[in-house]
Amino acid sequence: EVDLATPVFASSYNLAKQNQPDYLSLQFAVEQAKLDV
């Protein structure tokens, strides 16, 4: 069964930035690069 309500962009976008592993991993890659500097 699916929720027939249309998803809200703001909530989905915030979830993606908080949970998407690729985005979080790249943030850690930036921190690694700062250590290299």
All heavy atoms as atom14 arrays in JSON, in Angstrom:
{
  "sequence": "EVDLATPVFASSYNLAKQNQPDYLSLQFAVEQAKLDV",
  "atom14_mask": [
    [1, 1, 1, 1, 1, 1, 1, 1, 1, 0, 0, 0, 0, 0],
    [1, 1, 1, 1, 1, 1, 1, 0, 0, 0, 0, 0, 0, 0],
    [1, 1, 1, 1, 1, 1, 1, 1, 0, 0, 0, 0, 0, 0],
    [1, 1, 1, 1, 1, 1, 1, 1, 0, 0, 0, 0, 0, 0],
    [1, 1, 1, 1, 1, 0, 0, 0, 0, 0, 0, 0, 0, 0],
    [1, 1, 1, 1, 1, 1, 1, 0, 0, 0, 0, 0, 0, 0],
    [1, 1, 1, 1, 1, 1, 1, 0, 0, 0, 0, 0, 0, 0],
    [1, 1, 1, 1, 1, 1, 1, 0, 0, 0, 0, 0, 0, 0],
    [1, 1, 1, 1, 1, 1, 1, 1, 1, 1, 1, 0, 0, 0],
    [1, 1, 1, 1, 1, 0, 0, 0, 0, 0, 0, 0, 0, 0],
    [1, 1, 1, 1, 1, 1, 0, 0, 0, 0, 0, 0, 0, 0],
    [1, 1, 1, 1, 1, 1, 0, 0, 0, 0, 0, 0, 0, 0],
    [1, 1, 1, 1, 1, 1, 1, 1, 1, 1, 1, 1, 0, 0],
    [1, 1, 1, 1, 1, 1, 1, 1, 0, 0, 0, 0, 0, 0],
    [1, 1, 1, 1, 1, 1, 1, 1, 0, 0, 0, 0, 0, 0],
    [1, 1, 1, 1, 1, 0, 0, 0, 0, 0, 0, 0, 0, 0],
    [1, 1, 1, 1, 1, 1, 1, 1, 1, 0, 0, 0, 0, 0],
    [1, 1, 1, 1, 1, 1, 1, 1, 1, 0, 0, 0, 0, 0],
    [1, 1, 1, 1, 1, 1, 1, 1, 0, 0, 0, 0, 0, 0],
    [1, 1, 1, 1, 1, 1, 1, 1, 1, 0, 0, 0, 0, 0],
    [1, 1, 1, 1, 1, 1, 1, 0, 0, 0, 0, 0, 0, 0],
    [1, 1, 1, 1, 1, 1, 1, 1, 0, 0, 0, 0, 0, 0],
    [1, 1, 1, 1, 1, 1, 1, 1, 1, 1, 1, 1, 0, 0],
    [1, 1, 1, 1, 1, 1, 1, 1, 0, 0, 0, 0, 0, 0],
    [1, 1, 1, 1, 1, 1, 0, 0, 0, 0, 0, 0, 0, 0],
    [1, 1, 1, 1, 1, 1, 1, 1, 0, 0, 0, 0, 0, 0],
    [1, 1, 1, 1, 1, 1, 1, 1, 1, 0, 0, 0, 0, 0],
    [1, 1, 1, 1, 1, 1, 1, 1, 1, 1, 1, 0, 0, 0],
    [1, 1, 1, 1, 1, 0, 0, 0, 0, 0, 0, 0, 0, 0],
    [1, 1, 1, 1, 1, 1, 1, 0, 0, 0, 0, 0, 0, 0],
    [1, 1, 1, 1, 1, 1, 1, 1, 1, 0, 0, 0, 0, 0],
    [1, 1, 1, 1, 1, 1, 1, 1, 1, 0, 0, 0, 0, 0],
    [1, 1, 1, 1, 1, 0, 0, 0, 0, 0, 0, 0, 0, 0],
    [1, 1, 1, 1, 1, 1, 1, 1, 1, 0, 0, 0, 0, 0],
    [1, 1, 1, 1, 1, 1, 1, 1, 0, 0, 0, 0, 0, 0],
    [1, 1, 1, 1, 1, 1, 1, 1, 0, 0, 0, 0, 0, 0],
    [1, 1, 1, 1, 1, 1, 1, 0, 0, 0, 0, 0, 0, 0]
  ],
  "atom14_positions": [
    [[0.85, -1.19, 0.0], [0.0, 0.0, 0.0], [0.89, 1.24, 0.0], [1.92, 1.3, 0.67], [-0.9, 0.01, 1.23], [-1.91, -1.13, 1.28], [-2.97, -1.02, 0.2], [-3.26, 0.12, -0.22], [-3.48, -2.07, -0.22], [0.0, 0.0, 0.0], [0.0, 0.0, 0.0], [0.0, 0.0, 0.0], [0.0, 0.0, 0.0], [0.0, 0.0, 0.0]],
    [[0.49, 2.23, -0.77], [1.28, 3.46, -0.86], [0.47, 4.63, -0.31], [-0.77, 4.63, -0.35], [1.69, 3.76, -2.32], [2.6, 2.67, -2.85], [0.48, 3.92, -3.22], [0.0, 0.0, 0.0], [0.0, 0.0, 0.0], [0.0, 0.0, 0.0], [0.0, 0.0, 0.0], [0.0, 0.0, 0.0], [0.0, 0.0, 0.0], [0.0, 0.0, 0.0]],
    [[1.22, 5.6, 0.19], [0.6, 6.82, 0.69], [0.27, 7.69, -0.52], [1.16, 8.1, -1.27], [1.57, 7.55, 1.63], [0.92, 8.76, 2.29], [-0.28, 9.01, 2.02], [1.61, 9.45, 3.07], [0.0, 0.0, 0.0], [0.0, 0.0, 0.0], [0.0, 0.0, 0.0], [0.0, 0.0, 0.0], [0.0, 0.0, 0.0], [0.0, 0.0, 0.0]],
    [[-1.01, 7.95, -0.72], [-1.44, 8.71, -1.89], [-1.16, 10.21, -1.76], [-1.35, 10.95, -2.71], [-2.93, 8.48, -2.14], [-3.32, 7.02, -2.44], [-4.82, 6.92, -2.68], [-2.55, 6.49, -3.63], [0.0, 0.0, 0.0], [0.0, 0.0, 0.0], [0.0, 0.0, 0.0], [0.0, 0.0, 0.0], [0.0, 0.0, 0.0], [0.0, 0.0, 0.0]],
    [[-0.69, 10.63, -0.58], [-0.36, 12.05, -0.4], [0.92, 12.37, -1.16], [1.88, 11.58, -1.18], [-0.21, 12.38, 1.07], [0.0, 0.0, 0.0], [0.0, 0.0, 0.0], [0.0, 0.0, 0.0], [0.0, 0.0, 0.0], [0.0, 0.0, 0.0], [0.0, 0.0, 0.0], [0.0, 0.0, 0.0], [0.0, 0.0, 0.0], [0.0, 0.0, 0.0]],
    [[0.98, 13.52, -1.78], [2.16, 13.94, -2.53], [3.3, 14.29, -1.58], [3.09, 15.02, -0.61], [1.82, 15.16, -3.4], [0.74, 14.84, -4.27], [3.03, 15.58, -4.23], [0.0, 0.0, 0.0], [0.0, 0.0, 0.0], [0.0, 0.0, 0.0], [0.0, 0.0, 0.0], [0.0, 0.0, 0.0], [0.0, 0.0, 0.0], [0.0, 0.0, 0.0]],
    [[4.49, 13.76, -1.81], [5.63, 14.1, -0.94], [5.94, 15.6, -0.97], [5.7, 16.28, -1.97], [6.79, 13.29, -1.54], [6.15, 12.23, -2.36], [4.87, 12.81, -2.86], [0.0, 0.0, 0.0], [0.0, 0.0, 0.0], [0.0, 0.0, 0.0], [0.0, 0.0, 0.0], [0.0, 0.0, 0.0], [0.0, 0.0, 0.0], [0.0, 0.0, 0.0]],
    [[6.48, 16.09, 0.14], [6.83, 17.51, 0.26], [8.33, 17.66, 0.0], [9.14, 16.95, 0.6], [6.46, 18.06, 1.65], [6.86, 19.52, 1.78], [4.97, 17.86, 1.9], [0.0, 0.0, 0.0], [0.0, 0.0, 0.0], [0.0, 0.0, 0.0], [0.0, 0.0, 0.0], [0.0, 0.0, 0.0], [0.0, 0.0, 0.0], [0.0, 0.0, 0.0]],
    [[8.69, 18.58, -0.88], [10.1, 18.73, -1.27], [10.98, 19.08, -0.08], [12.05, 18.48, 0.1], [10.23, 19.82, -2.34], [11.66, 20.23, -2.58], [12.52, 19.42, -3.31], [12.17, 21.41, -2.03], [13.84, 19.78, -3.51], [13.48, 21.78, -2.23], [14.31, 20.96, -2.98], [0.0, 0.0, 0.0], [0.0, 0.0, 0.0], [0.0, 0.0, 0.0]],
    [[10.57, 20.02, 0.74], [11.43, 20.5, 1.83], [11.8, 19.37, 2.78], [12.97, 19.2, 3.16], [10.74, 21.64, 2.58], [0.0, 0.0, 0.0], [0.0, 0.0, 0.0], [0.0, 0.0, 0.0], [0.0, 0.0, 0.0], [0.0, 0.0, 0.0], [0.0, 0.0, 0.0], [0.0, 0.0, 0.0], [0.0, 0.0, 0.0], [0.0, 0.0, 0.0]],
    [[10.82, 18.56, 3.17], [11.1, 17.48, 4.11], [11.96, 16.4, 3.46], [12.89, 15.87, 4.09], [9.79, 16.87, 4.63], [9.02, 16.36, 3.55], [0.0, 0.0, 0.0], [0.0, 0.0, 0.0], [0.0, 0.0, 0.0], [0.0, 0.0, 0.0], [0.0, 0.0, 0.0], [0.0, 0.0, 0.0], [0.0, 0.0, 0.0], [0.0, 0.0, 0.0]],
    [[11.7, 16.06, 2.2], [12.5, 15.05, 1.51], [13.93, 15.53, 1.31], [14.89, 14.77, 1.48], [11.88, 14.7, 0.16], [10.63, 14.08, 0.31], [0.0, 0.0, 0.0], [0.0, 0.0, 0.0], [0.0, 0.0, 0.0], [0.0, 0.0, 0.0], [0.0, 0.0, 0.0], [0.0, 0.0, 0.0], [0.0, 0.0, 0.0], [0.0, 0.0, 0.0]],
    [[14.09, 16.81, 0.99], [15.43, 17.37, 0.79], [16.23, 17.37, 2.09], [17.43, 17.02, 2.11], [15.3, 18.78, 0.22], [16.63, 19.46, -0.06], [17.54, 18.89, -0.94], [16.94, 20.68, 0.54], [18.75, 19.51, -1.21], [18.15, 21.3, 0.27], [19.05, 20.72, -0.6], [20.25, 21.34, -0.86], [0.0, 0.0, 0.0], [0.0, 0.0, 0.0]],
    [[15.59, 17.75, 3.18], [16.28, 17.74, 4.47], [16.66, 16.32, 4.89], [17.75, 16.09, 5.43], [15.39, 18.39, 5.55], [15.27, 19.89, 5.37], [16.16, 20.53, 4.82], [14.17, 20.46, 5.82], [0.0, 0.0, 0.0], [0.0, 0.0, 0.0], [0.0, 0.0, 0.0], [0.0, 0.0, 0.0], [0.0, 0.0, 0.0], [0.0, 0.0, 0.0]],
    [[15.77, 15.37, 4.65], [16.09, 13.98, 4.95], [17.3, 13.5, 4.16], [18.18, 12.82, 4.68], [14.89, 13.08, 4.64], [13.8, 12.93, 5.72], [12.66, 12.1, 5.19], [14.39, 12.31, 6.98], [0.0, 0.0, 0.0], [0.0, 0.0, 0.0], [0.0, 0.0, 0.0], [0.0, 0.0, 0.0], [0.0, 0.0, 0.0], [0.0, 0.0, 0.0]],
    [[17.33, 13.88, 2.88], [18.43, 13.46, 2.03], [19.76, 14.01, 2.53], [20.77, 13.3, 2.58], [18.17, 13.9, 0.59], [0.0, 0.0, 0.0], [0.0, 0.0, 0.0], [0.0, 0.0, 0.0], [0.0, 0.0, 0.0], [0.0, 0.0, 0.0], [0.0, 0.0, 0.0], [0.0, 0.0, 0.0], [0.0, 0.0, 0.0], [0.0, 0.0, 0.0]],
    [[19.78, 15.28, 2.93], [21.03, 15.88, 3.4], [21.45, 15.31, 4.75], [22.64, 15.26, 5.08], [20.87, 17.4, 3.5], [20.76, 18.09, 2.14], [20.63, 19.59, 2.28], [21.88, 20.21, 2.85], [21.81, 21.68, 2.9], [0.0, 0.0, 0.0], [0.0, 0.0, 0.0], [0.0, 0.0, 0.0], [0.0, 0.0, 0.0], [0.0, 0.0, 0.0]],
    [[20.47, 14.89, 5.55], [20.8, 14.33, 6.86], [21.2, 12.85, 6.8], [22.01, 12.41, 7.6], [19.59, 14.48, 7.8], [19.26, 15.92, 8.15], [17.94, 16.03, 8.88], [17.34, 15.03, 9.26], [17.46, 17.25, 9.07], [0.0, 0.0, 0.0], [0.0, 0.0, 0.0], [0.0, 0.0, 0.0], [0.0, 0.0, 0.0], [0.0, 0.0, 0.0]],
    [[20.64, 12.11, 5.83], [20.78, 10.66, 5.85], [21.52, 10.08, 4.67], [21.98, 8.93, 4.76], [19.38, 10.0, 5.9], [18.62, 10.36, 7.15], [19.2, 10.53, 8.21], [17.31, 10.49, 7.03], [0.0, 0.0, 0.0], [0.0, 0.0, 0.0], [0.0, 0.0, 0.0], [0.0, 0.0, 0.0], [0.0, 0.0, 0.0], [0.0, 0.0, 0.0]],
    [[21.62, 10.8, 3.55], [22.21, 10.16, 2.37], [23.69, 9.87, 2.61], [24.49, 10.79, 2.83], [22.03, 11.01, 1.13], [22.33, 10.23, -0.14], [22.14, 11.03, -1.39], [23.11, 11.52, -1.94], [20.91, 11.16, -1.86], [0.0, 0.0, 0.0], [0.0, 0.0, 0.0], [0.0, 0.0, 0.0], [0.0, 0.0, 0.0], [0.0, 0.0, 0.0]],
    [[24.09, 8.62, 2.56], [25.48, 8.27, 2.88], [26.5, 8.92, 1.98], [27.58, 9.31, 2.43], [25.5, 6.74, 2.72], [24.08, 6.31, 2.86], [23.27, 7.42, 2.29], [0.0, 0.0, 0.0], [0.0, 0.0, 0.0], [0.0, 0.0, 0.0], [0.0, 0.0, 0.0], [0.0, 0.0, 0.0], [0.0, 0.0, 0.0], [0.0, 0.0, 0.0]],
    [[26.19, 9.06, 0.69], [27.16, 9.65, -0.24], [27.48, 11.09, 0.15], [28.64, 11.52, 0.09], [26.61, 9.6, -1.66], [26.33, 8.18, -2.12], [26.99, 7.27, -1.6], [25.44, 7.99, -2.97], [0.0, 0.0, 0.0], [0.0, 0.0, 0.0], [0.0, 0.0, 0.0], [0.0, 0.0, 0.0], [0.0, 0.0, 0.0], [0.0, 0.0, 0.0]],
    [[26.47, 11.82, 0.56], [26.67, 13.21, 0.95], [27.47, 13.3, 2.25], [28.41, 14.09, 2.36], [25.3, 13.89, 1.12], [25.37, 15.35, 1.49], [25.83, 16.3, 0.59], [24.95, 15.78, 2.74], [25.88, 17.64, 0.92], [24.99, 17.12, 3.09], [25.46, 18.05, 2.18], [25.53, 19.38, 2.53], [0.0, 0.0, 0.0], [0.0, 0.0, 0.0]],
    [[27.11, 12.47, 3.23], [27.83, 12.49, 4.51], [29.28, 12.03, 4.33], [30.2, 12.56, 4.95], [27.11, 11.61, 5.52], [25.67, 12.02, 5.87], [25.04, 11.01, 6.8], [25.64, 13.41, 6.5], [0.0, 0.0, 0.0], [0.0, 0.0, 0.0], [0.0, 0.0, 0.0], [0.0, 0.0, 0.0], [0.0, 0.0, 0.0], [0.0, 0.0, 0.0]],
    [[29.48, 11.03, 3.47], [30.83, 10.52, 3.22], [31.7, 11.6, 2.59], [32.88, 11.75, 2.94], [30.76, 9.29, 2.31], [32.06, 8.81, 2.02], [0.0, 0.0, 0.0], [0.0, 0.0, 0.0], [0.0, 0.0, 0.0], [0.0, 0.0, 0.0], [0.0, 0.0, 0.0], [0.0, 0.0, 0.0], [0.0, 0.0, 0.0], [0.0, 0.0, 0.0]],
    [[31.14, 12.38, 1.69], [31.91, 13.44, 1.06], [32.24, 14.55, 2.07], [33.3, 15.18, 1.98], [31.14, 14.01, -0.13], [31.95, 14.87, -1.11], [33.22, 14.16, -1.55], [31.1, 15.24, -2.32], [0.0, 0.0, 0.0], [0.0, 0.0, 0.0], [0.0, 0.0, 0.0], [0.0, 0.0, 0.0], [0.0, 0.0, 0.0], [0.0, 0.0, 0.0]],
    [[31.36, 14.77, 3.03], [31.69, 15.73, 4.1], [32.9, 15.25, 4.89], [33.8, 16.04, 5.23], [30.49, 15.89, 5.04], [29.34, 16.7, 4.44], [28.19, 16.86, 5.41], [27.91, 15.97, 6.21], [27.5, 17.99, 5.34], [0.0, 0.0, 0.0], [0.0, 0.0, 0.0], [0.0, 0.0, 0.0], [0.0, 0.0, 0.0], [0.0, 0.0, 0.0]],
    [[32.96, 13.95, 5.19], [34.13, 13.4, 5.88], [35.37, 13.47, 5.0], [36.49, 13.66, 5.51], [33.87, 11.96, 6.32], [32.92, 11.84, 7.47], [31.9, 10.9, 7.46], [33.03, 12.67, 8.58], [31.03, 10.77, 8.53], [32.16, 12.56, 9.65], [31.16, 11.61, 9.62], [0.0, 0.0, 0.0], [0.0, 0.0, 0.0], [0.0, 0.0, 0.0]],
    [[35.19, 13.33, 3.69], [36.33, 13.45, 2.77], [36.91, 14.86, 2.81], [38.13, 15.04, 2.72], [35.9, 13.08, 1.36], [0.0, 0.0, 0.0], [0.0, 0.0, 0.0], [0.0, 0.0, 0.0], [0.0, 0.0, 0.0], [0.0, 0.0, 0.0], [0.0, 0.0, 0.0], [0.0, 0.0, 0.0], [0.0, 0.0, 0.0], [0.0, 0.0, 0.0]],
    [[36.04, 15.86, 2.96], [36.52, 17.24, 3.1], [37.34, 17.39, 4.38], [38.4, 18.03, 4.39], [35.33, 18.22, 3.09], [35.78, 19.62, 3.48], [34.66, 18.24, 1.72], [0.0, 0.0, 0.0], [0.0, 0.0, 0.0], [0.0, 0.0, 0.0], [0.0, 0.0, 0.0], [0.0, 0.0, 0.0], [0.0, 0.0, 0.0], [0.0, 0.0, 0.0]],
    [[36.87, 16.77, 5.47], [37.61, 16.84, 6.73], [38.96, 16.14, 6.6], [39.97, 16.61, 7.14], [36.8, 16.21, 7.86], [35.51, 16.95, 8.19], [35.77, 18.4, 8.58], [36.72, 18.64, 9.36], [35.04, 19.27, 8.1], [0.0, 0.0, 0.0], [0.0, 0.0, 0.0], [0.0, 0.0, 0.0], [0.0, 0.0, 0.0], [0.0, 0.0, 0.0]],
    [[39.01, 15.02, 5.87], [40.28, 14.36, 5.63], [41.23, 15.25, 4.84], [42.43, 15.31, 5.13], [40.06, 13.04, 4.88], [39.45, 11.93, 5.73], [39.27, 10.65, 4.94], [38.87, 10.67, 3.78], [39.57, 9.52, 5.56], [0.0, 0.0, 0.0], [0.0, 0.0, 0.0], [0.0, 0.0, 0.0], [0.0, 0.0, 0.0], [0.0, 0.0, 0.0]],
    [[40.68, 15.93, 3.85], [41.52, 16.83, 3.05], [42.05, 17.99, 3.89], [43.19, 18.44, 3.68], [40.72, 17.37, 1.86], [0.0, 0.0, 0.0], [0.0, 0.0, 0.0], [0.0, 0.0, 0.0], [0.0, 0.0, 0.0], [0.0, 0.0, 0.0], [0.0, 0.0, 0.0], [0.0, 0.0, 0.0], [0.0, 0.0, 0.0], [0.0, 0.0, 0.0]],
    [[41.27, 18.46, 4.84], [41.75, 19.52, 5.73], [42.92, 19.02, 6.58], [43.89, 19.76, 6.83], [40.61, 20.02, 6.62], [39.55, 20.82, 5.88], [38.44, 21.26, 6.82], [37.38, 22.07, 6.08], [36.27, 22.49, 6.99], [0.0, 0.0, 0.0], [0.0, 0.0, 0.0], [0.0, 0.0, 0.0], [0.0, 0.0, 0.0], [0.0, 0.0, 0.0]],
    [[42.83, 17.78, 7.04], [43.95, 17.2, 7.79], [45.19, 17.08, 6.91], [46.31, 17.32, 7.37], [43.55, 15.83, 8.34], [42.51, 15.82, 9.46], [42.11, 14.39, 9.79], [43.04, 16.51, 10.71], [0.0, 0.0, 0.0], [0.0, 0.0, 0.0], [0.0, 0.0, 0.0], [0.0, 0.0, 0.0], [0.0, 0.0, 0.0], [0.0, 0.0, 0.0]],
    [[44.99, 16.7, 5.64], [46.12, 16.6, 4.72], [46.79, 17.96, 4.52], [48.02, 18.05, 4.43], [45.65, 16.05, 3.38], [45.19, 14.6, 3.47], [45.58, 13.93, 4.45], [44.44, 14.16, 2.58], [0.0, 0.0, 0.0], [0.0, 0.0, 0.0], [0.0, 0.0, 0.0], [0.0, 0.0, 0.0], [0.0, 0.0, 0.0], [0.0, 0.0, 0.0]],
    [[45.98, 19.02, 4.46], [46.54, 20.37, 4.32], [47.36, 20.73, 5.55], [48.45, 21.29, 5.45], [45.4, 21.39, 4.09], [45.93, 22.82, 4.22], [44.77, 21.19, 2.72], [0.0, 0.0, 0.0], [0.0, 0.0, 0.0], [0.0, 0.0, 0.0], [0.0, 0.0, 0.0], [0.0, 0.0, 0.0], [0.0, 0.0, 0.0], [0.0, 0.0, 0.0]]
  ]
}
